[in-house]
Amino acid sequence: FYCVTDEDNKLKLRYSLKYKDKEHHFALSMGDKVTDQAFDICDDKDLT
Protein backbone atom coordinates (compact mmCIF):
# COMPACT_ATOMS: atom_id res chain seq x y z
CA PHE A 1 0.00 0.00 0.00
CA TYR A 2 1.22 3.50 -0.77
CA CYS A 3 -0.14 7.03 -1.22
CA VAL A 4 -0.08 9.59 -4.00
CA THR A 5 -1.02 13.27 -3.74
CA ASP A 6 -3.58 14.99 -5.94
CA GLU A 7 -3.51 18.57 -7.21
CA ASP A 8 -4.79 19.78 -3.80
CA ASN A 9 -1.99 17.89 -1.98
CA LYS A 10 -4.53 15.44 -0.56
CA LEU A 11 -3.43 11.84 -0.03
CA LYS A 12 -4.97 9.13 -2.20
CA LEU A 13 -4.49 5.50 -1.18
CA ARG A 14 -3.15 3.14 -3.83
CA TYR A 15 -1.89 -0.45 -3.80
CA SER A 16 0.09 -2.85 -5.93
CA LEU A 17 0.04 -6.62 -6.28
CA LYS A 18 3.01 -8.57 -7.63
CA TYR A 19 3.33 -12.26 -8.50
CA LYS A 20 6.69 -13.43 -9.84
CA ASP A 21 7.71 -10.84 -12.47
CA LYS A 22 4.22 -9.40 -13.04
CA GLU A 23 3.03 -6.36 -11.08
CA HIS A 24 -0.22 -4.38 -11.31
CA HIS A 25 -1.22 -1.12 -9.64
CA PHE A 26 -4.73 -0.32 -8.44
CA ALA A 27 -6.88 2.64 -7.40
CA LEU A 28 -10.02 1.40 -5.60
CA SER A 29 -11.31 -1.38 -7.90
CA MET A 30 -9.55 -0.02 -11.00
CA GLY A 31 -6.41 -1.77 -12.16
CA ASP A 32 -3.77 -0.48 -14.57
CA LYS A 33 -5.32 -2.31 -17.53
CA VAL A 34 -7.71 0.66 -17.68
CA THR A 35 -5.89 3.32 -19.70
CA ASP A 36 -5.58 6.98 -18.72
CA GLN A 37 -7.65 7.86 -21.78
CA ALA A 38 -10.49 5.59 -20.68
CA PHE A 39 -10.41 7.08 -17.17
CA ASP A 40 -10.54 10.65 -18.53
CA ILE A 41 -13.46 9.83 -20.82
CA CYS A 42 -15.47 8.24 -18.00
CA ASP A 43 -14.67 11.21 -15.76
CA ASP A 44 -16.44 13.51 -18.24
CA LYS A 45 -20.12 12.55 -18.47
CA ASP A 46 -20.74 14.52 -21.66
CA LEU A 47 -17.71 13.06 -23.43
CA THR A 48 -18.79 9.59 -22.29
All heavy atoms as atom14 arrays in JSON, in Angstrom:
{
  "sequence": "FYCVTDEDNKLKLRYSLKYKDKEHHFALSMGDKVTDQAFDICDDKDLT",
  "atom14_mask": [
    [1, 1, 1, 1, 1, 1, 1, 1, 1, 1, 1, 0, 0, 0],
    [1, 1, 1, 1, 1, 1, 1, 1, 1, 1, 1, 1, 0, 0],
    [1, 1, 1, 1, 1, 1, 0, 0, 0, 0, 0, 0, 0, 0],
    [1, 1, 1, 1, 1, 1, 1, 0, 0, 0, 0, 0, 0, 0],
    [1, 1, 1, 1, 1, 1, 1, 0, 0, 0, 0, 0, 0, 0],
    [1, 1, 1, 1, 1, 1, 1, 1, 0, 0, 0, 0, 0, 0],
    [1, 1, 1, 1, 1, 1, 1, 1, 1, 0, 0, 0, 0, 0],
    [1, 1, 1, 1, 1, 1, 1, 1, 0, 0, 0, 0, 0, 0],
    [1, 1, 1, 1, 1, 1, 1, 1, 0, 0, 0, 0, 0, 0],
    [1, 1, 1, 1, 1, 1, 1, 1, 1, 0, 0, 0, 0, 0],
    [1, 1, 1, 1, 1, 1, 1, 1, 0, 0, 0, 0, 0, 0],
    [1, 1, 1, 1, 1, 1, 1, 1, 1, 0, 0, 0, 0, 0],
    [1, 1, 1, 1, 1, 1, 1, 1, 0, 0, 0, 0, 0, 0],
    [1, 1, 1, 1, 1, 1, 1, 1, 1, 1, 1, 0, 0, 0],
    [1, 1, 1, 1, 1, 1, 1, 1, 1, 1, 1, 1, 0, 0],
    [1, 1, 1, 1, 1, 1, 0, 0, 0, 0, 0, 0, 0, 0],
    [1, 1, 1, 1, 1, 1, 1, 1, 0, 0, 0, 0, 0, 0],
    [1, 1, 1, 1, 1, 1, 1, 1, 1, 0, 0, 0, 0, 0],
    [1, 1, 1, 1, 1, 1, 1, 1, 1, 1, 1, 1, 0, 0],
    [1, 1, 1, 1, 1, 1, 1, 1, 1, 0, 0, 0, 0, 0],
    [1, 1, 1, 1, 1, 1, 1, 1, 0, 0, 0, 0, 0, 0],
    [1, 1, 1, 1, 1, 1, 1, 1, 1, 0, 0, 0, 0, 0],
    [1, 1, 1, 1, 1, 1, 1, 1, 1, 0, 0, 0, 0, 0],
    [1, 1, 1, 1, 1, 1, 1, 1, 1, 1, 0, 0, 0, 0],
    [1, 1, 1, 1, 1, 1, 1, 1, 1, 1, 0, 0, 0, 0],
    [1, 1, 1, 1, 1, 1, 1, 1, 1, 1, 1, 0, 0, 0],
    [1, 1, 1, 1, 1, 0, 0, 0, 0, 0, 0, 0, 0, 0],
    [1, 1, 1, 1, 1, 1, 1, 1, 0, 0, 0, 0, 0, 0],
    [1, 1, 1, 1, 1, 1, 0, 0, 0, 0, 0, 0, 0, 0],
    [1, 1, 1, 1, 1, 1, 1, 1, 0, 0, 0, 0, 0, 0],
    [1, 1, 1, 1, 0, 0, 0, 0, 0, 0, 0, 0, 0, 0],
    [1, 1, 1, 1, 1, 1, 1, 1, 0, 0, 0, 0, 0, 0],
    [1, 1, 1, 1, 1, 1, 1, 1, 1, 0, 0, 0, 0, 0],
    [1, 1, 1, 1, 1, 1, 1, 0, 0, 0, 0, 0, 0, 0],
    [1, 1, 1, 1, 1, 1, 1, 0, 0, 0, 0, 0, 0, 0],
    [1, 1, 1, 1, 1, 1, 1, 1, 0, 0, 0, 0, 0, 0],
    [1, 1, 1, 1, 1, 1, 1, 1, 1, 0, 0, 0, 0, 0],
    [1, 1, 1, 1, 1, 0, 0, 0, 0, 0, 0, 0, 0, 0],
    [1, 1, 1, 1, 1, 1, 1, 1, 1, 1, 1, 0, 0, 0],
    [1, 1, 1, 1, 1, 1, 1, 1, 0, 0, 0, 0, 0, 0],
    [1, 1, 1, 1, 1, 1, 1, 1, 0, 0, 0, 0, 0, 0],
    [1, 1, 1, 1, 1, 1, 0, 0, 0, 0, 0, 0, 0, 0],
    [1, 1, 1, 1, 1, 1, 1, 1, 0, 0, 0, 0, 0, 0],
    [1, 1, 1, 1, 1, 1, 1, 1, 0, 0, 0, 0, 0, 0],
    [1, 1, 1, 1, 1, 1, 1, 1, 1, 0, 0, 0, 0, 0],
    [1, 1, 1, 1, 1, 1, 1, 1, 0, 0, 0, 0, 0, 0],
    [1, 1, 1, 1, 1, 1, 1, 1, 0, 0, 0, 0, 0, 0],
    [1, 1, 1, 1, 1, 1, 1, 0, 0, 0, 0, 0, 0, 0]
  ],
  "atom14_positions": [
    [[0.85, -1.18, 0.0], [0.0, 0.0, 0.0], [0.89, 1.24, 0.0], [1.94, 1.27, 0.66], [-0.9, 0.02, 1.25], [-2.02, -0.97, 1.2], [-1.9, -2.2, 1.84], [-3.2, -0.68, 0.53], [-2.93, -3.12, 1.8], [-4.24, -1.6, 0.48], [-4.11, -2.81, 1.11], [0.0, 0.0, 0.0], [0.0, 0.0, 0.0], [0.0, 0.0, 0.0]],
    [[0.47, 2.25, -0.73], [1.22, 3.5, -0.77], [0.24, 4.63, -1.05], [-0.95, 4.4, -1.32], [2.33, 3.45, -1.83], [1.84, 3.2, -3.25], [1.61, 4.27, -4.13], [1.62, 1.9, -3.72], [1.17, 4.04, -5.42], [1.19, 1.67, -5.01], [0.96, 2.74, -5.86], [0.53, 2.52, -7.15], [0.0, 0.0, 0.0], [0.0, 0.0, 0.0]],
    [[0.72, 5.87, -0.99], [-0.14, 7.03, -1.22], [0.43, 7.91, -2.33], [1.65, 8.0, -2.51], [-0.29, 7.86, 0.06], [-1.48, 7.16, 1.23], [0.0, 0.0, 0.0], [0.0, 0.0, 0.0], [0.0, 0.0, 0.0], [0.0, 0.0, 0.0], [0.0, 0.0, 0.0], [0.0, 0.0, 0.0], [0.0, 0.0, 0.0], [0.0, 0.0, 0.0]],
    [[-0.46, 8.55, -3.05], [-0.08, 9.59, -4.0], [-0.83, 10.85, -3.6], [-1.83, 10.79, -2.88], [-0.44, 9.18, -5.45], [0.35, 7.95, -5.87], [-1.93, 8.94, -5.61], [0.0, 0.0, 0.0], [0.0, 0.0, 0.0], [0.0, 0.0, 0.0], [0.0, 0.0, 0.0], [0.0, 0.0, 0.0], [0.0, 0.0, 0.0], [0.0, 0.0, 0.0]],
    [[-0.35, 12.0, -4.04], [-1.02, 13.27, -3.74], [-1.69, 13.82, -4.99], [-1.14, 13.73, -6.09], [-0.03, 14.3, -3.18], [1.07, 14.44, -4.09], [0.51, 13.87, -1.84], [0.0, 0.0, 0.0], [0.0, 0.0, 0.0], [0.0, 0.0, 0.0], [0.0, 0.0, 0.0], [0.0, 0.0, 0.0], [0.0, 0.0, 0.0], [0.0, 0.0, 0.0]],
    [[-2.88, 14.37, -4.81], [-3.58, 14.99, -5.94], [-3.17, 16.45, -6.07], [-2.27, 16.93, -5.37], [-5.09, 14.83, -5.79], [-5.64, 15.53, -4.55], [-4.91, 16.33, -3.94], [-6.81, 15.27, -4.21], [0.0, 0.0, 0.0], [0.0, 0.0, 0.0], [0.0, 0.0, 0.0], [0.0, 0.0, 0.0], [0.0, 0.0, 0.0], [0.0, 0.0, 0.0]],
    [[-3.87, 17.17, -6.96], [-3.51, 18.57, -7.21], [-3.72, 19.46, -5.99], [-3.15, 20.55, -5.89], [-4.32, 19.11, -8.4], [-5.82, 19.08, -8.24], [-6.44, 17.74, -8.63], [-5.67, 16.79, -8.87], [-7.67, 17.66, -8.7], [0.0, 0.0, 0.0], [0.0, 0.0, 0.0], [0.0, 0.0, 0.0], [0.0, 0.0, 0.0], [0.0, 0.0, 0.0]],
    [[-4.56, 19.02, -5.04], [-4.79, 19.78, -3.8], [-3.92, 19.3, -2.65], [-4.17, 19.64, -1.49], [-6.27, 19.69, -3.4], [-7.19, 20.28, -4.46], [-6.82, 21.33, -5.03], [-8.25, 19.69, -4.73], [0.0, 0.0, 0.0], [0.0, 0.0, 0.0], [0.0, 0.0, 0.0], [0.0, 0.0, 0.0], [0.0, 0.0, 0.0], [0.0, 0.0, 0.0]],
    [[-2.91, 18.46, -2.97], [-1.99, 17.89, -1.98], [-2.7, 16.97, -0.98], [-2.23, 16.76, 0.14], [-1.24, 19.0, -1.21], [0.04, 18.47, -0.57], [0.71, 17.6, -1.11], [0.36, 19.0, 0.61], [0.0, 0.0, 0.0], [0.0, 0.0, 0.0], [0.0, 0.0, 0.0], [0.0, 0.0, 0.0], [0.0, 0.0, 0.0], [0.0, 0.0, 0.0]],
    [[-3.82, 16.41, -1.39], [-4.53, 15.44, -0.56], [-4.02, 14.04, -0.88], [-3.73, 13.72, -2.04], [-6.04, 15.51, -0.81], [-6.68, 16.79, -0.3], [-8.18, 16.76, -0.53], [-8.85, 18.03, 0.01], [-10.32, 18.03, -0.24], [0.0, 0.0, 0.0], [0.0, 0.0, 0.0], [0.0, 0.0, 0.0], [0.0, 0.0, 0.0], [0.0, 0.0, 0.0]],
    [[-3.93, 13.2, 0.16], [-3.43, 11.84, -0.03], [-4.5, 10.93, -0.62], [-5.66, 10.95, -0.2], [-2.95, 11.27, 1.3], [-1.67, 11.85, 1.89], [-1.39, 11.22, 3.24], [-0.48, 11.65, 0.96], [0.0, 0.0, 0.0], [0.0, 0.0, 0.0], [0.0, 0.0, 0.0], [0.0, 0.0, 0.0], [0.0, 0.0, 0.0], [0.0, 0.0, 0.0]],
    [[-4.1, 10.13, -1.59], [-4.97, 9.13, -2.2], [-4.31, 7.76, -2.03], [-3.16, 7.57, -2.42], [-5.19, 9.42, -3.68], [-5.84, 10.78, -3.96], [-7.28, 10.81, -3.5], [-7.94, 12.14, -3.84], [-9.34, 12.21, -3.36], [0.0, 0.0, 0.0], [0.0, 0.0, 0.0], [0.0, 0.0, 0.0], [0.0, 0.0, 0.0], [0.0, 0.0, 0.0]],
    [[-5.04, 6.83, -1.45], [-4.49, 5.5, -1.18], [-4.45, 4.67, -2.46], [-5.41, 4.62, -3.22], [-5.33, 4.78, -0.13], [-4.82, 3.43, 0.34], [-3.52, 3.59, 1.12], [-5.86, 2.73, 1.21], [0.0, 0.0, 0.0], [0.0, 0.0, 0.0], [0.0, 0.0, 0.0], [0.0, 0.0, 0.0], [0.0, 0.0, 0.0], [0.0, 0.0, 0.0]],
    [[-3.33, 4.03, -2.69], [-3.15, 3.14, -3.83], [-2.51, 1.84, -3.33], [-1.97, 1.78, -2.23], [-2.25, 3.79, -4.89], [-2.79, 5.11, -5.44], [-4.01, 4.87, -6.31], [-4.49, 6.1, -6.92], [-5.49, 6.82, -6.46], [-6.12, 6.44, -5.35], [-5.89, 7.92, -7.08], [0.0, 0.0, 0.0], [0.0, 0.0, 0.0], [0.0, 0.0, 0.0]],
    [[-2.53, 0.81, -4.18], [-1.89, -0.45, -3.8], [-1.41, -1.19, -5.04], [-1.89, -0.94, -6.16], [-2.83, -1.33, -2.98], [-4.12, -1.74, -3.66], [-4.3, -3.03, -4.15], [-5.18, -0.84, -3.78], [-5.48, -3.41, -4.76], [-6.38, -1.22, -4.37], [-6.52, -2.5, -4.87], [-7.71, -2.87, -5.46], [0.0, 0.0, 0.0], [0.0, 0.0, 0.0]],
    [[-0.43, -2.04, -4.83], [0.09, -2.85, -5.93], [0.14, -4.31, -5.51], [0.32, -4.64, -4.34], [1.49, -2.38, -6.33], [2.43, -2.66, -5.31], [0.0, 0.0, 0.0], [0.0, 0.0, 0.0], [0.0, 0.0, 0.0], [0.0, 0.0, 0.0], [0.0, 0.0, 0.0], [0.0, 0.0, 0.0], [0.0, 0.0, 0.0], [0.0, 0.0, 0.0]],
    [[-0.03, -5.18, -6.49], [0.04, -6.62, -6.28], [1.07, -7.18, -7.26], [1.07, -6.82, -8.45], [-1.32, -7.27, -6.51], [-2.38, -6.99, -5.44], [-3.78, -7.3, -5.97], [-2.11, -7.81, -4.18], [0.0, 0.0, 0.0], [0.0, 0.0, 0.0], [0.0, 0.0, 0.0], [0.0, 0.0, 0.0], [0.0, 0.0, 0.0], [0.0, 0.0, 0.0]],
    [[1.97, -8.02, -6.77], [3.01, -8.57, -7.63], [3.14, -10.07, -7.42], [3.28, -10.54, -6.29], [4.36, -7.89, -7.32], [5.49, -8.36, -8.23], [6.78, -7.61, -7.94], [7.9, -8.05, -8.88], [9.16, -7.33, -8.6], [0.0, 0.0, 0.0], [0.0, 0.0, 0.0], [0.0, 0.0, 0.0], [0.0, 0.0, 0.0], [0.0, 0.0, 0.0]],
    [[3.11, -10.8, -8.54], [3.33, -12.26, -8.5], [4.41, -12.59, -9.51], [4.27, -12.31, -10.71], [2.04, -13.01, -8.82], [2.2, -14.51, -8.76], [2.39, -15.15, -7.54], [2.21, -15.28, -9.91], [2.58, -16.52, -7.47], [2.38, -16.65, -9.86], [2.57, -17.26, -8.63], [2.75, -18.63, -8.56], [0.0, 0.0, 0.0], [0.0, 0.0, 0.0]],
    [[5.51, -13.15, -9.03], [6.69, -13.43, -9.84], [7.16, -12.12, -10.49], [7.45, -11.17, -9.8], [6.4, -14.53, -10.85], [6.14, -15.89, -10.18], [5.96, -17.01, -11.19], [5.77, -18.34, -10.47], [5.57, -19.47, -11.42], [0.0, 0.0, 0.0], [0.0, 0.0, 0.0], [0.0, 0.0, 0.0], [0.0, 0.0, 0.0], [0.0, 0.0, 0.0]],
    [[7.2, -12.04, -11.81], [7.71, -10.84, -12.47], [6.6, -9.89, -12.91], [6.87, -8.86, -13.53], [8.55, -11.22, -13.7], [9.81, -11.99, -13.32], [10.34, -11.72, -12.23], [10.23, -12.85, -14.1], [0.0, 0.0, 0.0], [0.0, 0.0, 0.0], [0.0, 0.0, 0.0], [0.0, 0.0, 0.0], [0.0, 0.0, 0.0], [0.0, 0.0, 0.0]],
    [[5.36, -10.21, -12.58], [4.22, -9.4, -13.04], [3.67, -8.57, -11.89], [3.34, -9.1, -10.83], [3.13, -10.29, -13.62], [1.97, -9.5, -14.2], [1.06, -10.36, -15.07], [0.33, -11.42, -14.28], [-0.63, -12.17, -15.1], [0.0, 0.0, 0.0], [0.0, 0.0, 0.0], [0.0, 0.0, 0.0], [0.0, 0.0, 0.0], [0.0, 0.0, 0.0]],
    [[3.54, -7.26, -12.11], [3.03, -6.36, -11.08], [1.94, -5.47, -11.67], [2.05, -4.98, -12.79], [4.14, -5.5, -10.51], [3.68, -4.58, -9.38], [4.83, -3.84, -8.72], [5.93, -3.8, -9.32], [4.64, -3.3, -7.61], [0.0, 0.0, 0.0], [0.0, 0.0, 0.0], [0.0, 0.0, 0.0], [0.0, 0.0, 0.0], [0.0, 0.0, 0.0]],
    [[0.87, -5.27, -10.89], [-0.22, -4.38, -11.31], [-0.52, -3.39, -10.19], [-0.44, -3.73, -9.0], [-1.48, -5.17, -11.64], [-1.36, -5.98, -12.9], [-1.29, -5.39, -14.14], [-1.31, -7.33, -13.11], [-1.19, -6.35, -15.08], [-1.2, -7.52, -14.46], [0.0, 0.0, 0.0], [0.0, 0.0, 0.0], [0.0, 0.0, 0.0], [0.0, 0.0, 0.0]],
    [[-0.88, -2.18, -10.58], [-1.22, -1.12, -9.64], [-2.72, -0.83, -9.71], [-3.31, -0.88, -10.79], [-0.41, 0.14, -9.94], [1.06, -0.02, -9.67], [1.67, 0.46, -8.53], [2.05, -0.65, -10.38], [2.95, 0.16, -8.55], [3.21, -0.51, -9.66], [0.0, 0.0, 0.0], [0.0, 0.0, 0.0], [0.0, 0.0, 0.0], [0.0, 0.0, 0.0]],
    [[-3.28, -0.5, -8.54], [-4.73, -0.32, -8.44], [-5.09, 0.97, -7.71], [-4.38, 1.42, -6.8], [-5.36, -1.49, -7.68], [-5.24, -2.82, -8.37], [-4.07, -3.56, -8.27], [-6.3, -3.33, -9.1], [-3.96, -4.79, -8.89], [-6.2, -4.56, -9.73], [-5.02, -5.3, -9.63], [0.0, 0.0, 0.0], [0.0, 0.0, 0.0], [0.0, 0.0, 0.0]],
    [[-6.24, 1.53, -8.12], [-6.88, 2.64, -7.4], [-8.32, 2.21, -7.18], [-9.07, 2.03, -8.14], [-6.83, 3.92, -8.22], [0.0, 0.0, 0.0], [0.0, 0.0, 0.0], [0.0, 0.0, 0.0], [0.0, 0.0, 0.0], [0.0, 0.0, 0.0], [0.0, 0.0, 0.0], [0.0, 0.0, 0.0], [0.0, 0.0, 0.0], [0.0, 0.0, 0.0]],
    [[-8.7, 1.98, -5.92], [-10.02, 1.4, -5.6], [-10.14, 0.06, -6.33], [-9.29, -0.8, -6.16], [-11.13, 2.37, -5.98], [-11.06, 3.75, -5.32], [-12.15, 4.67, -5.86], [-11.16, 3.65, -3.82], [0.0, 0.0, 0.0], [0.0, 0.0, 0.0], [0.0, 0.0, 0.0], [0.0, 0.0, 0.0], [0.0, 0.0, 0.0], [0.0, 0.0, 0.0]],
    [[-11.16, -0.11, -7.18], [-11.31, -1.38, -7.9], [-10.6, -1.36, -9.25], [-10.52, -2.37, -9.93], [-12.79, -1.69, -8.12], [-13.37, -0.76, -9.03], [0.0, 0.0, 0.0], [0.0, 0.0, 0.0], [0.0, 0.0, 0.0], [0.0, 0.0, 0.0], [0.0, 0.0, 0.0], [0.0, 0.0, 0.0], [0.0, 0.0, 0.0], [0.0, 0.0, 0.0]],
    [[-10.1, -0.18, -9.65], [-9.55, -0.02, -11.0], [-8.09, -0.41, -11.06], [-7.24, 0.15, -10.36], [-9.71, 1.43, -11.45], [-9.25, 1.68, -12.89], [-9.41, 3.42, -13.36], [-8.04, 4.14, -12.43], [0.0, 0.0, 0.0], [0.0, 0.0, 0.0], [0.0, 0.0, 0.0], [0.0, 0.0, 0.0], [0.0, 0.0, 0.0], [0.0, 0.0, 0.0]],
    [[-7.78, -1.36, -11.94], [-6.41, -1.77, -12.16], [-5.8, -1.04, -13.33], [-6.48, -0.3, -14.07], [0.0, 0.0, 0.0], [0.0, 0.0, 0.0], [0.0, 0.0, 0.0], [0.0, 0.0, 0.0], [0.0, 0.0, 0.0], [0.0, 0.0, 0.0], [0.0, 0.0, 0.0], [0.0, 0.0, 0.0], [0.0, 0.0, 0.0], [0.0, 0.0, 0.0]],
    [[-4.49, -1.24, -13.54], [-3.77, -0.48, -14.57], [-4.05, -0.97, -16.0], [-3.46, -0.42, -16.96], [-2.27, -0.49, -14.28], [-1.71, -1.89, -14.06], [-2.34, -2.87, -14.5], [-0.64, -2.0, -13.43], [0.0, 0.0, 0.0], [0.0, 0.0, 0.0], [0.0, 0.0, 0.0], [0.0, 0.0, 0.0], [0.0, 0.0, 0.0], [0.0, 0.0, 0.0]],
    [[-4.91, -1.94, -16.17], [-5.32, -2.31, -17.53], [-6.34, -1.31, -18.09], [-6.64, -1.33, -19.29], [-5.89, -3.73, -17.56], [-4.82, -4.81, -17.39], [-5.38, -6.2, -17.64], [-4.28, -7.25, -17.52], [-4.76, -8.62, -17.85], [0.0, 0.0, 0.0], [0.0, 0.0, 0.0], [0.0, 0.0, 0.0], [0.0, 0.0, 0.0], [0.0, 0.0, 0.0]],
    [[-6.88, -0.46, -17.23], [-7.71, 0.66, -17.68], [-6.77, 1.8, -18.03], [-5.99, 2.25, -17.18], [-8.7, 1.1, -16.58], [-9.46, 2.35, -17.01], [-9.67, -0.02, -16.25], [0.0, 0.0, 0.0], [0.0, 0.0, 0.0], [0.0, 0.0, 0.0], [0.0, 0.0, 0.0], [0.0, 0.0, 0.0], [0.0, 0.0, 0.0], [0.0, 0.0, 0.0]],
    [[-6.82, 2.29, -19.25], [-5.89, 3.32, -19.7], [-6.28, 4.69, -19.14], [-7.42, 4.91, -18.71], [-5.86, 3.4, -21.23], [-7.15, 3.84, -21.69], [-5.52, 2.04, -21.84], [0.0, 0.0, 0.0], [0.0, 0.0, 0.0], [0.0, 0.0, 0.0], [0.0, 0.0, 0.0], [0.0, 0.0, 0.0], [0.0, 0.0, 0.0], [0.0, 0.0, 0.0]],
    [[-5.32, 5.61, -19.15], [-5.58, 6.98, -18.72], [-6.66, 7.62, -19.59], [-7.49, 8.4, -19.1], [-4.3, 7.82, -18.77], [-3.28, 7.4, -17.72], [-3.68, 6.72, -16.75], [-2.1, 7.74, -17.87], [0.0, 0.0, 0.0], [0.0, 0.0, 0.0], [0.0, 0.0, 0.0], [0.0, 0.0, 0.0], [0.0, 0.0, 0.0], [0.0, 0.0, 0.0]],
    [[-6.64, 7.3, -20.87], [-7.65, 7.86, -21.78], [-9.05, 7.4, -21.38], [-9.98, 8.2, -21.34], [-7.36, 7.43, -23.23], [-8.37, 8.0, -24.22], [-8.28, 7.36, -25.61], [-7.67, 6.29, -25.76], [-8.88, 8.0, -26.61], [0.0, 0.0, 0.0], [0.0, 0.0, 0.0], [0.0, 0.0, 0.0], [0.0, 0.0, 0.0], [0.0, 0.0, 0.0]],
    [[-9.18, 6.12, -21.07], [-10.49, 5.59, -20.68], [-10.97, 6.26, -19.39], [-12.15, 6.61, -19.26], [-10.4, 4.08, -20.48], [0.0, 0.0, 0.0], [0.0, 0.0, 0.0], [0.0, 0.0, 0.0], [0.0, 0.0, 0.0], [0.0, 0.0, 0.0], [0.0, 0.0, 0.0], [0.0, 0.0, 0.0], [0.0, 0.0, 0.0], [0.0, 0.0, 0.0]],
    [[-10.05, 6.43, -18.43], [-10.41, 7.08, -17.17], [-10.89, 8.51, -17.41], [-11.9, 8.95, -16.85], [-9.2, 7.09, -16.22], [-9.45, 7.82, -14.93], [-10.14, 7.21, -13.89], [-9.03, 9.13, -14.77], [-10.39, 7.89, -12.7], [-9.26, 9.82, -13.59], [-9.95, 9.19, -12.55], [0.0, 0.0, 0.0], [0.0, 0.0, 0.0], [0.0, 0.0, 0.0]],
    [[-10.17, 9.26, -18.25], [-10.54, 10.65, -18.53], [-11.89, 10.75, -19.23], [-12.68, 11.66, -18.95], [-9.46, 11.32, -19.39], [-8.15, 11.53, -18.63], [-8.2, 11.53, -17.38], [-7.1, 11.67, -19.28], [0.0, 0.0, 0.0], [0.0, 0.0, 0.0], [0.0, 0.0, 0.0], [0.0, 0.0, 0.0], [0.0, 0.0, 0.0], [0.0, 0.0, 0.0]],
    [[-12.17, 9.82, -20.12], [-13.46, 9.83, -20.82], [-14.59, 9.58, -19.83], [-15.6, 10.29, -19.81], [-13.48, 8.78, -21.95], [-12.51, 9.16, -23.06], [-14.91, 8.61, -22.5], [-12.31, 8.08, -24.1], [0.0, 0.0, 0.0], [0.0, 0.0, 0.0], [0.0, 0.0, 0.0], [0.0, 0.0, 0.0], [0.0, 0.0, 0.0], [0.0, 0.0, 0.0]],
    [[-14.42, 8.57, -18.98], [-15.47, 8.24, -18.0], [-15.66, 9.35, -16.97], [-16.75, 9.51, -16.41], [-15.13, 6.93, -17.29], [-15.23, 5.47, -18.33], [0.0, 0.0, 0.0], [0.0, 0.0, 0.0], [0.0, 0.0, 0.0], [0.0, 0.0, 0.0], [0.0, 0.0, 0.0], [0.0, 0.0, 0.0], [0.0, 0.0, 0.0], [0.0, 0.0, 0.0]],
    [[-14.6, 10.12, -16.74], [-14.67, 11.21, -15.76], [-15.46, 12.4, -16.3], [-15.86, 13.27, -15.53], [-13.25, 11.65, -15.38], [-13.23, 12.48, -14.11], [-13.92, 12.09, -13.15], [-12.55, 13.52, -14.08], [0.0, 0.0, 0.0], [0.0, 0.0, 0.0], [0.0, 0.0, 0.0], [0.0, 0.0, 0.0], [0.0, 0.0, 0.0], [0.0, 0.0, 0.0]],
    [[-15.68, 12.43, -17.6], [-16.44, 13.51, -18.24], [-17.74, 12.91, -18.79], [-17.75, 12.23, -19.8], [-15.61, 14.12, -19.38], [-16.27, 15.34, -20.0], [-17.51, 15.35, -20.12], [-15.54, 16.28, -20.38], [0.0, 0.0, 0.0], [0.0, 0.0, 0.0], [0.0, 0.0, 0.0], [0.0, 0.0, 0.0], [0.0, 0.0, 0.0], [0.0, 0.0, 0.0]],
    [[-18.85, 13.18, -18.11], [-20.12, 12.55, -18.47], [-20.57, 12.89, -19.89], [-21.15, 12.06, -20.59], [-21.2, 12.95, -17.46], [-21.0, 12.39, -16.05], [-22.09, 12.85, -15.11], [-21.98, 12.19, -13.74], [-20.72, 12.51, -13.04], [0.0, 0.0, 0.0], [0.0, 0.0, 0.0], [0.0, 0.0, 0.0], [0.0, 0.0, 0.0], [0.0, 0.0, 0.0]],
    [[-20.32, 14.12, -20.31], [-20.74, 14.52, -21.66], [-19.89, 13.83, -22.72], [-20.42, 13.35, -23.73], [-20.62, 16.04, -21.82], [-21.13, 16.52, -23.17], [-22.34, 16.34, -23.41], [-20.34, 17.05, -23.96], [0.0, 0.0, 0.0], [0.0, 0.0, 0.0], [0.0, 0.0, 0.0], [0.0, 0.0, 0.0], [0.0, 0.0, 0.0], [0.0, 0.0, 0.0]],
    [[-18.58, 13.75, -22.49], [-17.71, 13.06, -23.43], [-18.05, 11.57, -23.49], [-18.03, 10.97, -24.57], [-16.25, 13.25, -23.0], [-15.16, 12.74, -23.96], [-15.29, 13.39, -25.32], [-13.77, 12.99, -23.36], [0.0, 0.0, 0.0], [0.0, 0.0, 0.0], [0.0, 0.0, 0.0], [0.0, 0.0, 0.0], [0.0, 0.0, 0.0], [0.0, 0.0, 0.0]],
    [[-18.36, 10.99, -22.34], [-18.79, 9.59, -22.29], [-20.0, 9.37, -23.18], [-20.05, 8.42, -23.97], [-19.14, 9.17, -20.85], [-17.99, 9.29, -20.02], [-19.62, 7.72, -20.81], [0.0, 0.0, 0.0], [0.0, 0.0, 0.0], [0.0, 0.0, 0.0], [0.0, 0.0, 0.0], [0.0, 0.0, 0.0], [0.0, 0.0, 0.0], [0.0, 0.0, 0.0]]
  ]
}
